[in-house]
Amino acid sequence: MKSTSTDMAIQPIITLNNGVKIPAIGLGTWQSKPEDVVNAVEYAIKDVGYRHIDCAAMYGNEKEVGEGIRRSGVPRSEVFLTSKLWCTRHHEVEKALDESLANFGTDYLDLYLIHWPVHLNPHGNHPSFPLRPDGSRDVLVDWPLKETWRQMEEVLKKGKVKAIGVSNFSEKKLEEILPTATVIPAVNQLELHLYNPQHNLLKYLSEKGIVAQAYSPLGSTNSPLLEDETVASLAKKHELTPPDVLLGYLLSKNIVVLPKSVTPSRIASNFKGAIAAKEKLTKEDVELLDGVAPGGKQKRLIMPPWGIDLGFENWTK
């Protein structure tokens, strides 16, 4: 999966629990408009050296991501492609996967994730976000997550995906599938960043052999992370930028980072800066950053109103 260009930085690779190798820096595509994401994906792969694209059916841009991969000229086999099962499709995993494969124009995914540990009513009043009469999310509270996972294992056996995992799963939700699982999830994609480090959950995942992935590693729009004093001081110390430090911090903890951008300069700087920061940050720097959230800055930025207890620390319904 190494870049074919000698002037491109070579990113770190992490080996998943089934032996599949995943590039540790991926391009996130959440909230990327279809008309923008084609060019973003093409540029990231062809000109910068990304070999990992993170997508989801719910993002509504799978076709354009697939087109961007084709336009890059890099063989499909050299690009690690992820998508996710939306919440209204827990009862029909293979059908949902087949739709994603058709959108991308490929016959397999490198990684397929359960997007959230929530099954929304597939026969509700909206195809993606059905609501009850009182306005709350129409969640099928009795749906067993172990059944969703059984179906995920089936598509893995059929070779339609190379690895399966979960997203937004707490220890509590993982314990709903692990007792009956024949395949341990390869990854758990989470909101992970300086202000929401989830130290306890990361320790649990490490013990289970599950790799953590970080979405929103730089925070979201108008993120307070970029203005953090500790980050600024380390950026100055190592001649880095704040985004470099935030990404390198997570990479140093063997977390896959998925920064999202459609701006060429940022796509490039996120990739190269993350690698540079991982090399420069010391063990003491990482420990210093680990203490920022517990020191009073704990803050989640993504909390959809599911109306049920997902089992996370620092989450308000």
C-alpha atoms as a PDB file:
ATOM      1  CA  MET A   1       0.000   0.000   0.000  1.00  0.00           C
ATOM      2  CA  LYS A   2       3.006   2.283  -0.241  1.00  0.00           C
ATOM      3  CA  SER A   3       2.753   5.392  -2.326  1.00  0.00           C
ATOM      4  CA  THR A   4       4.220   5.074  -5.808  1.00  0.00           C
ATOM      5  CA  SER A   5       5.711   8.567  -5.629  1.00  0.00           C
ATOM      6  CA  THR A   6       9.070   9.025  -3.947  1.00  0.00           C
ATOM      7  CA  ASP A   7       8.244  12.504  -2.642  1.00  0.00           C
ATOM      8  CA  MET A   8       5.128  11.413  -0.774  1.00  0.00           C
ATOM      9  CA  ALA A   9       5.311  10.681   2.937  1.00  0.00           C
ATOM     10  CA  ILE A  10       4.820   7.027   3.814  1.00  0.00           C
ATOM     11  CA  GLN A  11       2.174   6.625   6.447  1.00  0.00           C
ATOM     12  CA  PRO A  12       2.192   4.129   9.311  1.00  0.00           C
ATOM     13  CA  ILE A  13       0.339   0.846   8.866  1.00  0.00           C
ATOM     14  CA  ILE A  14      -1.577  -0.998  11.602  1.00  0.00           C
ATOM     15  CA  THR A  15      -2.300  -4.730  11.448  1.00  0.00           C
ATOM     16  CA  LEU A  16      -5.837  -5.690  12.449  1.00  0.00           C
ATOM     17  CA  ASN A  17      -6.685  -8.754  14.538  1.00  0.00           C
ATOM     18  CA  ASN A  18      -7.372 -10.826  11.391  1.00  0.00           C
ATOM     19  CA  GLY A  19      -4.073  -9.899   9.735  1.00  0.00           C
ATOM     20  CA  VAL A  20      -5.502  -7.253   7.405  1.00  0.00           C
ATOM     21  CA  LYS A  21      -3.306  -4.152   7.209  1.00  0.00           C
ATOM     22  CA  ILE A  22      -4.930  -0.733   7.498  1.00  0.00           C
ATOM     23  CA  PRO A  23      -3.254   2.588   6.654  1.00  0.00           C
ATOM     24  CA  ALA A  24      -3.308   4.640   9.855  1.00  0.00           C
ATOM     25  CA  ILE A  25      -4.374   7.881   8.134  1.00  0.00           C
ATOM     26  CA  GLY A  26      -7.625   7.908   6.197  1.00  0.00           C
ATOM     27  CA  LEU A  27      -9.566  10.615   4.419  1.00  0.00           C
ATOM     28  CA  GLY A  28     -12.918  11.172   6.126  1.00  0.00           C
ATOM     29  CA  THR A  29     -15.873  11.949   3.853  1.00  0.00           C
ATOM     30  CA  TRP A  30     -18.662  12.751   6.327  1.00  0.00           C
ATOM     31  CA  GLN A  31     -20.515  15.937   5.302  1.00  0.00           C
ATOM     32  CA  SER A  32     -18.468  16.147   2.101  1.00  0.00           C
ATOM     33  CA  LYS A  33     -20.792  17.223  -0.703  1.00  0.00           C
ATOM     34  CA  PRO A  34     -20.954  14.756  -3.603  1.00  0.00           C
ATOM     35  CA  GLU A  35     -19.702  17.341  -6.089  1.00  0.00           C
ATOM     36  CA  ASP A  36     -16.685  18.097  -3.868  1.00  0.00           C
ATOM     37  CA  VAL A  37     -15.763  14.611  -2.744  1.00  0.00           C
ATOM     38  CA  VAL A  38     -14.850  13.267  -6.204  1.00  0.00           C
ATOM     39  CA  ASN A  39     -12.016  15.758  -6.531  1.00  0.00           C
ATOM     40  CA  ALA A  40     -11.032  15.419  -2.864  1.00  0.00           C
ATOM     41  CA  VAL A  41     -10.667  11.641  -3.082  1.00  0.00           C
ATOM     42  CA  GLU A  42      -8.832  11.785  -6.408  1.00  0.00           C
ATOM     43  CA  TYR A  43      -6.396  14.403  -5.109  1.00  0.00           C
ATOM     44  CA  ALA A  44      -5.844  12.639  -1.770  1.00  0.00           C
ATOM     45  CA  ILE A  45      -4.917   9.367  -3.456  1.00  0.00           C
ATOM     46  CA  LYS A  46      -3.103  10.563  -6.587  1.00  0.00           C
ATOM     47  CA  ASP A  47      -1.264  13.626  -5.326  1.00  0.00           C
ATOM     48  CA  VAL A  48      -0.815  13.187  -1.566  1.00  0.00           C
ATOM     49  CA  GLY A  49      -0.469   9.455  -0.969  1.00  0.00           C
ATOM     50  CA  TYR A  50      -3.588   8.544   0.997  1.00  0.00           C
ATOM     51  CA  ARG A  51      -4.469   4.888   0.648  1.00  0.00           C
ATOM     52  CA  HIS A  52      -7.449   4.803   3.006  1.00  0.00           C
ATOM     53  CA  ILE A  53     -10.881   6.329   2.374  1.00  0.00           C
ATOM     54  CA  ASP A  54     -13.584   6.253   5.066  1.00  0.00           C
ATOM     55  CA  CYS A  55     -17.180   6.444   3.863  1.00  0.00           C
ATOM     56  CA  ALA A  56     -20.709   5.380   4.871  1.00  0.00           C
ATOM     57  CA  ALA A  57     -24.044   4.777   3.190  1.00  0.00           C
ATOM     58  CA  MET A  58     -25.551   7.565   5.295  1.00  0.00           C
ATOM     59  CA  TYR A  59     -23.071  10.104   3.908  1.00  0.00           C
ATOM     60  CA  GLY A  60     -24.863   9.952   0.558  1.00  0.00           C
ATOM     61  CA  ASN A  61     -21.671  10.145  -1.478  1.00  0.00           C
ATOM     62  CA  GLU A  62     -20.570   6.549  -2.073  1.00  0.00           C
ATOM     63  CA  LYS A  63     -20.911   6.819  -5.880  1.00  0.00           C
ATOM     64  CA  GLU A  64     -18.741   9.924  -5.935  1.00  0.00           C
ATOM     65  CA  VAL A  65     -16.135   8.368  -3.638  1.00  0.00           C
ATOM     66  CA  GLY A  66     -15.947   5.412  -6.004  1.00  0.00           C
ATOM     67  CA  GLU A  67     -15.520   7.757  -8.949  1.00  0.00           C
ATOM     68  CA  GLY A  68     -12.732   9.616  -7.149  1.00  0.00           C
ATOM     69  CA  ILE A  69     -10.893   6.340  -6.548  1.00  0.00           C
ATOM     70  CA  ARG A  70     -11.170   5.421 -10.241  1.00  0.00           C
ATOM     71  CA  ARG A  71      -9.988   8.857 -11.394  1.00  0.00           C
ATOM     72  CA  SER A  72      -6.922   8.618  -9.171  1.00  0.00           C
ATOM     73  CA  GLY A  73      -5.501   5.930 -11.419  1.00  0.00           C
ATOM     74  CA  VAL A  74      -4.368   3.935  -8.382  1.00  0.00           C
ATOM     75  CA  PRO A  75      -5.525   0.298  -8.501  1.00  0.00           C
ATOM     76  CA  ARG A  76      -8.525  -0.533  -6.294  1.00  0.00           C
ATOM     77  CA  SER A  77      -6.430  -3.193  -4.575  1.00  0.00           C
ATOM     78  CA  GLU A  78      -4.102  -0.481  -3.219  1.00  0.00           C
ATOM     79  CA  VAL A  79      -6.880   1.590  -1.624  1.00  0.00           C
ATOM     80  CA  PHE A  80      -8.381   0.612   1.743  1.00  0.00           C
ATOM     81  CA  LEU A  81     -12.108   1.387   1.472  1.00  0.00           C
ATOM     82  CA  THR A  82     -14.518   1.478   4.408  1.00  0.00           C
ATOM     83  CA  SER A  83     -18.289   1.886   4.525  1.00  0.00           C
ATOM     84  CA  LYS A  84     -20.954   1.497   7.178  1.00  0.00           C
ATOM     85  CA  LEU A  85     -24.355  -0.111   7.729  1.00  0.00           C
ATOM     86  CA  TRP A  86     -27.021   2.485   8.497  1.00  0.00           C
ATOM     87  CA  CYS A  87     -29.371   2.175  11.469  1.00  0.00           C
ATOM     88  CA  THR A  88     -32.503   1.266   9.479  1.00  0.00           C
ATOM     89  CA  ARG A  89     -30.732  -1.712   7.843  1.00  0.00           C
ATOM     90  CA  HIS A  90     -29.720  -3.921  10.784  1.00  0.00           C
ATOM     91  CA  HIS A  91     -32.198  -6.578   9.644  1.00  0.00           C
ATOM     92  CA  GLU A  92     -30.767  -6.796   6.095  1.00  0.00           C
ATOM     93  CA  VAL A  93     -27.005  -6.419   6.267  1.00  0.00           C
ATOM     94  CA  GLU A  94     -26.131  -8.160   3.007  1.00  0.00           C
ATOM     95  CA  LYS A  95     -28.720  -6.237   0.989  1.00  0.00           C
ATOM     96  CA  ALA A  96     -27.442  -2.939   2.377  1.00  0.00           C
ATOM     97  CA  LEU A  97     -23.849  -3.965   1.695  1.00  0.00           C
ATOM     98  CA  ASP A  98     -24.675  -4.943  -1.890  1.00  0.00           C
ATOM     99  CA  GLU A  99     -26.161  -1.492  -2.453  1.00  0.00           C
ATOM    100  CA  SER A 100     -22.971   0.129  -1.169  1.00  0.00           C
ATOM    101  CA  LEU A 101     -20.816  -2.094  -3.368  1.00  0.00           C
ATOM    102  CA  ALA A 102     -22.907  -1.118  -6.403  1.00  0.00           C
ATOM    103  CA  ASN A 103     -22.555   2.564  -5.475  1.00  0.00           C
ATOM    104  CA  PHE A 104     -18.773   2.330  -5.202  1.00  0.00           C
ATOM    105  CA  GLY A 105     -18.483   0.171  -8.308  1.00  0.00           C
ATOM    106  CA  THR A 106     -16.441  -2.500  -6.523  1.00  0.00           C
ATOM    107  CA  ASP A 107     -17.031  -6.124  -5.584  1.00  0.00           C
ATOM    108  CA  TYR A 108     -15.620  -5.920  -2.055  1.00  0.00           C
ATOM    109  CA  LEU A 109     -14.945  -3.573   0.841  1.00  0.00           C
ATOM    110  CA  ASP A 110     -11.826  -3.659   2.974  1.00  0.00           C
ATOM    111  CA  LEU A 111     -13.858  -2.828   6.083  1.00  0.00           C
ATOM    112  CA  TYR A 112     -17.574  -2.750   6.860  1.00  0.00           C
ATOM    113  CA  LEU A 113     -18.859  -1.283  10.118  1.00  0.00           C
ATOM    114  CA  ILE A 114     -22.125  -1.136  12.035  1.00  0.00           C
ATOM    115  CA  HIS A 115     -22.570   2.649  12.027  1.00  0.00           C
ATOM    116  CA  TRP A 116     -24.343   2.918  15.422  1.00  0.00           C
ATOM    117  CA  PRO A 117     -25.525   0.275  17.934  1.00  0.00           C
ATOM    118  CA  VAL A 118     -29.099   1.377  17.260  1.00  0.00           C
ATOM    119  CA  HIS A 119     -31.731  -0.234  15.013  1.00  0.00           C
ATOM    120  CA  LEU A 120     -34.251   2.303  13.779  1.00  0.00           C
ATOM    121  CA  ASN A 121     -37.666   1.153  12.588  1.00  0.00           C
ATOM    122  CA  PRO A 122     -37.198   0.241   8.896  1.00  0.00           C
ATOM    123  CA  HIS A 123     -40.955   0.649   8.350  1.00  0.00           C
ATOM    124  CA  GLY A 124     -41.171   4.021  10.047  1.00  0.00           C
ATOM    125  CA  ASN A 125     -42.178   7.408   8.664  1.00  0.00           C
ATOM    126  CA  HIS A 126     -38.722   8.321   7.273  1.00  0.00           C
ATOM    127  CA  PRO A 127     -36.220   6.147   5.363  1.00  0.00           C
ATOM    128  CA  SER A 128     -33.255   7.226   7.484  1.00  0.00           C
ATOM    129  CA  PHE A 129     -34.522   8.927  10.659  1.00  0.00           C
ATOM    130  CA  PRO A 130     -38.001   7.619  11.510  1.00  0.00           C
ATOM    131  CA  LEU A 131     -39.706   9.332  14.446  1.00  0.00           C
ATOM    132  CA  ARG A 132     -42.374   8.358  16.929  1.00  0.00           C
ATOM    133  CA  PRO A 133     -45.479  10.567  17.330  1.00  0.00           C
ATOM    134  CA  ASP A 134     -43.786  12.368  20.239  1.00  0.00           C
ATOM    135  CA  GLY A 135     -40.862  13.363  18.025  1.00  0.00           C
ATOM    136  CA  SER A 136     -38.316  10.933  19.496  1.00  0.00           C
ATOM    137  CA  ARG A 137     -36.295   8.534  17.336  1.00  0.00           C
ATOM    138  CA  ASP A 138     -38.223   5.383  16.432  1.00  0.00           C
ATOM    139  CA  VAL A 139     -35.739   2.883  17.895  1.00  0.00           C
ATOM    140  CA  LEU A 140     -36.485  -0.853  17.968  1.00  0.00           C
ATOM    141  CA  VAL A 141     -35.415  -1.250  21.592  1.00  0.00           C
ATOM    142  CA  ASP A 142     -35.789  -5.046  21.594  1.00  0.00           C
ATOM    143  CA  TRP A 143     -33.589  -5.676  18.549  1.00  0.00           C
ATOM    144  CA  PRO A 144     -30.620  -7.914  19.512  1.00  0.00           C
ATOM    145  CA  LEU A 145     -27.327  -6.476  18.287  1.00  0.00           C
ATOM    146  CA  LYS A 146     -25.913  -9.989  18.221  1.00  0.00           C
ATOM    147  CA  GLU A 147     -28.231 -10.676  15.270  1.00  0.00           C
ATOM    148  CA  THR A 148     -26.782  -7.732  13.351  1.00  0.00           C
ATOM    149  CA  TRP A 149     -23.308  -9.026  14.105  1.00  0.00           C
ATOM    150  CA  ARG A 150     -24.216 -12.553  12.954  1.00  0.00           C
ATOM    151  CA  GLN A 151     -25.145 -11.107   9.581  1.00  0.00           C
ATOM    152  CA  MET A 152     -21.891  -9.116   9.483  1.00  0.00           C
ATOM    153  CA  GLU A 153     -19.996 -12.373  10.008  1.00  0.00           C
ATOM    154  CA  GLU A 154     -21.925 -13.930   7.094  1.00  0.00           C
ATOM    155  CA  VAL A 155     -20.844 -11.264   4.575  1.00  0.00           C
ATOM    156  CA  LEU A 156     -17.276 -11.663   5.824  1.00  0.00           C
ATOM    157  CA  LYS A 157     -17.451 -15.423   5.152  1.00  0.00           C
ATOM    158  CA  LYS A 158     -18.720 -14.728   1.636  1.00  0.00           C
ATOM    159  CA  GLY A 159     -15.695 -12.571   0.885  1.00  0.00           C
ATOM    160  CA  LYS A 160     -17.672  -9.410   0.245  1.00  0.00           C
ATOM    161  CA  VAL A 161     -15.640  -7.645   2.945  1.00  0.00           C
ATOM    162  CA  LYS A 162     -12.120  -8.251   4.216  1.00  0.00           C
ATOM    163  CA  ALA A 163     -12.796  -7.134   7.781  1.00  0.00           C
ATOM    164  CA  ILE A 164     -15.804  -6.224   9.909  1.00  0.00           C
ATOM    165  CA  GLY A 165     -16.130  -3.912  12.855  1.00  0.00           C
ATOM    166  CA  VAL A 166     -18.306  -1.451  14.697  1.00  0.00           C
ATOM    167  CA  SER A 167     -18.653   2.284  15.173  1.00  0.00           C
ATOM    168  CA  ASN A 168     -19.863   4.241  18.182  1.00  0.00           C
ATOM    169  CA  PHE A 169     -19.909   1.131  20.399  1.00  0.00           C
ATOM    170  CA  SER A 170     -19.266   1.496  24.120  1.00  0.00           C
ATOM    171  CA  GLU A 171     -17.981  -1.364  26.255  1.00  0.00           C
ATOM    172  CA  LYS A 172     -21.617  -2.002  27.226  1.00  0.00           C
ATOM    173  CA  LYS A 173     -22.712  -2.367  23.600  1.00  0.00           C
ATOM    174  CA  LEU A 174     -19.719  -4.497  22.656  1.00  0.00           C
ATOM    175  CA  GLU A 175     -20.614  -6.870  25.472  1.00  0.00           C
ATOM    176  CA  GLU A 176     -23.977  -7.397  23.749  1.00  0.00           C
ATOM    177  CA  ILE A 177     -22.258  -9.022  20.764  1.00  0.00           C
ATOM    178  CA  LEU A 178     -18.978 -10.499  22.016  1.00  0.00           C
ATOM    179  CA  PRO A 179     -20.396 -13.484  23.998  1.00  0.00           C
ATOM    180  CA  THR A 180     -21.884 -14.995  20.824  1.00  0.00           C
ATOM    181  CA  ALA A 181     -19.427 -13.620  18.272  1.00  0.00           C
ATOM    182  CA  THR A 182     -17.257 -16.018  16.277  1.00  0.00           C
ATOM    183  CA  VAL A 183     -15.332 -13.034  14.875  1.00  0.00           C
ATOM    184  CA  ILE A 184     -14.053 -10.272  17.160  1.00  0.00           C
ATOM    185  CA  PRO A 185     -14.634  -6.801  15.657  1.00  0.00           C
ATOM    186  CA  ALA A 186     -11.484  -5.596  13.933  1.00  0.00           C
ATOM    187  CA  VAL A 187     -12.085  -1.928  14.758  1.00  0.00           C
ATOM    188  CA  ASN A 188     -14.305   0.435  16.705  1.00  0.00           C
ATOM    189  CA  GLN A 189     -14.659   3.857  15.106  1.00  0.00           C
ATOM    190  CA  LEU A 190     -15.345   6.529  17.704  1.00  0.00           C
ATOM    191  CA  GLU A 191     -15.350  10.233  18.422  1.00  0.00           C
ATOM    192  CA  LEU A 192     -11.784  10.410  19.670  1.00  0.00           C
ATOM    193  CA  HIS A 193      -9.808  13.599  20.108  1.00  0.00           C
ATOM    194  CA  LEU A 194      -7.935  15.661  22.679  1.00  0.00           C
ATOM    195  CA  TYR A 195     -11.114  16.652  24.557  1.00  0.00           C
ATOM    196  CA  ASN A 196     -12.772  13.217  24.321  1.00  0.00           C
ATOM    197  CA  PRO A 197      -9.905  10.715  24.692  1.00  0.00           C
ATOM    198  CA  GLN A 198     -12.051   7.887  26.145  1.00  0.00           C
ATOM    199  CA  HIS A 199      -9.067   6.451  28.037  1.00  0.00           C
ATOM    200  CA  ASN A 200     -11.050   3.681  29.758  1.00  0.00           C
ATOM    201  CA  LEU A 201     -12.692   2.500  26.548  1.00  0.00           C
ATOM    202  CA  LEU A 202      -9.347   2.505  24.710  1.00  0.00           C
ATOM    203  CA  LYS A 203      -7.859   0.294  27.416  1.00  0.00           C
ATOM    204  CA  TYR A 204     -10.780  -2.132  27.044  1.00  0.00           C
ATOM    205  CA  LEU A 205     -10.427  -2.200  23.247  1.00  0.00           C
ATOM    206  CA  SER A 206      -6.710  -2.884  23.516  1.00  0.00           C
ATOM    207  CA  GLU A 207      -7.371  -5.827  25.835  1.00  0.00           C
ATOM    208  CA  LYS A 208      -9.835  -7.248  23.269  1.00  0.00           C
ATOM    209  CA  GLY A 209      -7.507  -6.721  20.295  1.00  0.00           C
ATOM    210  CA  ILE A 210      -9.829  -4.153  18.705  1.00  0.00           C
ATOM    211  CA  VAL A 211      -8.182  -1.214  16.920  1.00  0.00           C
ATOM    212  CA  ALA A 212      -9.620   2.235  17.653  1.00  0.00           C
ATOM    213  CA  GLN A 213     -10.359   4.670  14.828  1.00  0.00           C
ATOM    214  CA  ALA A 214     -10.875   8.379  15.426  1.00  0.00           C
ATOM    215  CA  TYR A 215     -13.502  10.339  13.562  1.00  0.00           C
ATOM    216  CA  SER A 216     -13.546  14.112  14.093  1.00  0.00           C
ATOM    217  CA  PRO A 217      -9.935  13.911  15.362  1.00  0.00           C
ATOM    218  CA  LEU A 218      -9.630  17.688  14.949  1.00  0.00           C
ATOM    219  CA  GLY A 219     -13.068  18.329  16.430  1.00  0.00           C
ATOM    220  CA  SER A 220     -15.867  19.678  14.255  1.00  0.00           C
ATOM    221  CA  THR A 221     -16.680  23.111  12.817  1.00  0.00           C
ATOM    222  CA  ASN A 222     -15.233  25.934  14.939  1.00  0.00           C
ATOM    223  CA  SER A 223     -13.478  23.318  17.056  1.00  0.00           C
ATOM    224  CA  PRO A 224     -12.017  24.525  20.373  1.00  0.00           C
ATOM    225  CA  LEU A 225      -9.225  21.957  20.023  1.00  0.00           C
ATOM    226  CA  LEU A 226      -7.276  24.075  17.548  1.00  0.00           C
ATOM    227  CA  GLU A 227      -7.022  26.908  20.096  1.00  0.00           C
ATOM    228  CA  ASP A 228      -5.928  24.752  23.031  1.00  0.00           C
ATOM    229  CA  GLU A 229      -2.946  26.199  24.923  1.00  0.00           C
ATOM    230  CA  THR A 230      -1.217  22.857  25.463  1.00  0.00           C
ATOM    231  CA  VAL A 231      -1.504  22.023  21.778  1.00  0.00           C
ATOM    232  CA  ALA A 232      -0.209  25.466  20.826  1.00  0.00           C
ATOM    233  CA  SER A 233       2.825  25.136  23.088  1.00  0.00           C
ATOM    234  CA  LEU A 234       3.741  21.719  21.672  1.00  0.00           C
ATOM    235  CA  ALA A 235       3.223  22.964  18.131  1.00  0.00           C
ATOM    236  CA  LYS A 236       5.657  25.803  18.795  1.00  0.00           C
ATOM    237  CA  LYS A 237       8.130  23.495  20.542  1.00  0.00           C
ATOM    238  CA  HIS A 238       8.276  21.060  17.604  1.00  0.00           C
ATOM    239  CA  GLU A 239       7.699  23.539  14.742  1.00  0.00           C
ATOM    240  CA  LEU A 240       4.353  21.957  13.917  1.00  0.00           C
ATOM    241  CA  THR A 241       0.808  23.282  13.506  1.00  0.00           C
ATOM    242  CA  PRO A 242      -2.013  22.575  16.007  1.00  0.00           C
ATOM    243  CA  PRO A 243      -3.730  20.120  13.583  1.00  0.00           C
ATOM    244  CA  ASP A 244      -0.408  18.277  13.238  1.00  0.00           C
ATOM    245  CA  VAL A 245      -0.179  17.864  17.020  1.00  0.00           C
ATOM    246  CA  LEU A 246      -3.805  16.728  17.377  1.00  0.00           C
ATOM    247  CA  LEU A 247      -3.397  14.060  14.700  1.00  0.00           C
ATOM    248  CA  GLY A 248       0.095  12.976  15.708  1.00  0.00           C
ATOM    249  CA  TYR A 249      -1.095  12.586  19.306  1.00  0.00           C
ATOM    250  CA  LEU A 250      -3.667   9.984  18.259  1.00  0.00           C
ATOM    251  CA  LEU A 251      -1.305   8.221  15.849  1.00  0.00           C
ATOM    252  CA  SER A 252       1.198   7.903  18.697  1.00  0.00           C
ATOM    253  CA  LYS A 253      -1.443   5.905  20.587  1.00  0.00           C
ATOM    254  CA  ASN A 254      -1.915   3.511  17.621  1.00  0.00           C
ATOM    255  CA  ILE A 255      -5.281   5.048  16.777  1.00  0.00           C
ATOM    256  CA  VAL A 256      -6.305   5.301  13.114  1.00  0.00           C
ATOM    257  CA  VAL A 257      -7.117   8.948  12.316  1.00  0.00           C
ATOM    258  CA  LEU A 258      -9.774  10.044   9.802  1.00  0.00           C
ATOM    259  CA  PRO A 259      -9.494  13.798   9.260  1.00  0.00           C
ATOM    260  CA  LYS A 260     -12.105  15.131   6.851  1.00  0.00           C
ATOM    261  CA  SER A 261     -11.516  17.868   4.285  1.00  0.00           C
ATOM    262  CA  VAL A 262     -12.278  18.711   0.665  1.00  0.00           C
ATOM    263  CA  THR A 263      -9.677  21.491   0.527  1.00  0.00           C
ATOM    264  CA  PRO A 264      -6.498  20.307  -1.252  1.00  0.00           C
ATOM    265  CA  SER A 265      -4.086  22.226   0.984  1.00  0.00           C
ATOM    266  CA  ARG A 266      -5.686  20.792   4.130  1.00  0.00           C
ATOM    267  CA  ILE A 267      -5.910  17.290   2.729  1.00  0.00           C
ATOM    268  CA  ALA A 268      -2.159  17.433   2.126  1.00  0.00           C
ATOM    269  CA  SER A 269      -1.200  19.143   5.394  1.00  0.00           C
ATOM    270  CA  ASN A 270      -3.289  16.746   7.501  1.00  0.00           C
ATOM    271  CA  PHE A 271      -1.496  13.776   5.960  1.00  0.00           C
ATOM    272  CA  LYS A 272       2.064  15.086   6.053  1.00  0.00           C
ATOM    273  CA  GLY A 273       1.653  16.932   9.351  1.00  0.00           C
ATOM    274  CA  ALA A 274       0.250  13.886  11.143  1.00  0.00           C
ATOM    275  CA  ILE A 275       3.251  11.805  10.114  1.00  0.00           C
ATOM    276  CA  ALA A 276       5.696  14.542  11.107  1.00  0.00           C
ATOM    277  CA  ALA A 277       4.032  14.998  14.503  1.00  0.00           C
ATOM    278  CA  LYS A 278       4.050  11.279  15.256  1.00  0.00           C
ATOM    279  CA  GLU A 279       7.803  11.299  14.726  1.00  0.00           C
ATOM    280  CA  LYS A 280       8.422  14.406  16.849  1.00  0.00           C
ATOM    281  CA  LEU A 281       6.065  14.018  19.822  1.00  0.00           C
ATOM    282  CA  THR A 282       7.765  12.431  22.820  1.00  0.00           C
ATOM    283  CA  LYS A 283       6.292  10.034  25.353  1.00  0.00           C
ATOM    284  CA  GLU A 284       6.122  12.957  27.796  1.00  0.00           C
ATOM    285  CA  ASP A 285       4.272  15.088  25.232  1.00  0.00           C
ATOM    286  CA  VAL A 286       1.654  12.355  24.764  1.00  0.00           C
ATOM    287  CA  GLU A 287       1.235  11.978  28.528  1.00  0.00           C
ATOM    288  CA  LEU A 288       0.774  15.744  28.803  1.00  0.00           C
ATOM    289  CA  LEU A 289      -1.932  15.657  26.132  1.00  0.00           C
ATOM    290  CA  ASP A 290      -3.573  12.656  27.812  1.00  0.00           C
ATOM    291  CA  GLY A 291      -4.155  14.848  30.864  1.00  0.00           C
ATOM    292  CA  VAL A 292      -5.891  17.727  29.076  1.00  0.00           C
ATOM    293  CA  ALA A 293      -9.461  16.340  29.110  1.00  0.00           C
ATOM    294  CA  PRO A 294      -9.303  14.883  32.644  1.00  0.00           C
ATOM    295  CA  GLY A 295      -7.933  18.267  33.703  1.00  0.00           C
ATOM    296  CA  GLY A 296     -11.288  19.918  33.015  1.00  0.00           C
ATOM    297  CA  LYS A 297     -11.709  20.088  29.242  1.00  0.00           C
ATOM    298  CA  GLN A 298     -13.682  16.897  28.598  1.00  0.00           C
ATOM    299  CA  LYS A 299     -16.145  17.640  25.798  1.00  0.00           C
ATOM    300  CA  ARG A 300     -18.080  15.507  23.324  1.00  0.00           C
ATOM    301  CA  LEU A 301     -19.010  17.160  20.041  1.00  0.00           C
ATOM    302  CA  ILE A 302     -21.181  14.420  18.450  1.00  0.00           C
ATOM    303  CA  MET A 303     -24.223  13.285  20.467  1.00  0.00           C
ATOM    304  CA  PRO A 304     -27.226  12.357  18.288  1.00  0.00           C
ATOM    305  CA  PRO A 305     -30.494  12.263  20.284  1.00  0.00           C
ATOM    306  CA  TRP A 306     -31.058   8.510  20.138  1.00  0.00           C
ATOM    307  CA  GLY A 307     -33.067   8.569  23.349  1.00  0.00           C
ATOM    308  CA  ILE A 308     -31.490   5.368  24.666  1.00  0.00           C
ATOM    309  CA  ASP A 309     -28.468   4.723  26.866  1.00  0.00           C
ATOM    310  CA  LEU A 310     -25.489   3.814  24.679  1.00  0.00           C
ATOM    311  CA  GLY A 311     -23.319   3.197  27.731  1.00  0.00           C
ATOM    312  CA  PHE A 312     -20.701   5.883  27.097  1.00  0.00           C
ATOM    313  CA  GLU A 313     -19.008   7.997  29.733  1.00  0.00           C
ATOM    314  CA  ASN A 314     -19.624  11.732  29.452  1.00  0.00           C
ATOM    315  CA  TRP A 315     -22.763  11.403  27.320  1.00  0.00           C
ATOM    316  CA  THR A 316     -26.029  13.152  27.970  1.00  0.00           C
ATOM    317  CA  LYS A 317     -29.146  11.873  26.209  1.00  0.00           C
END
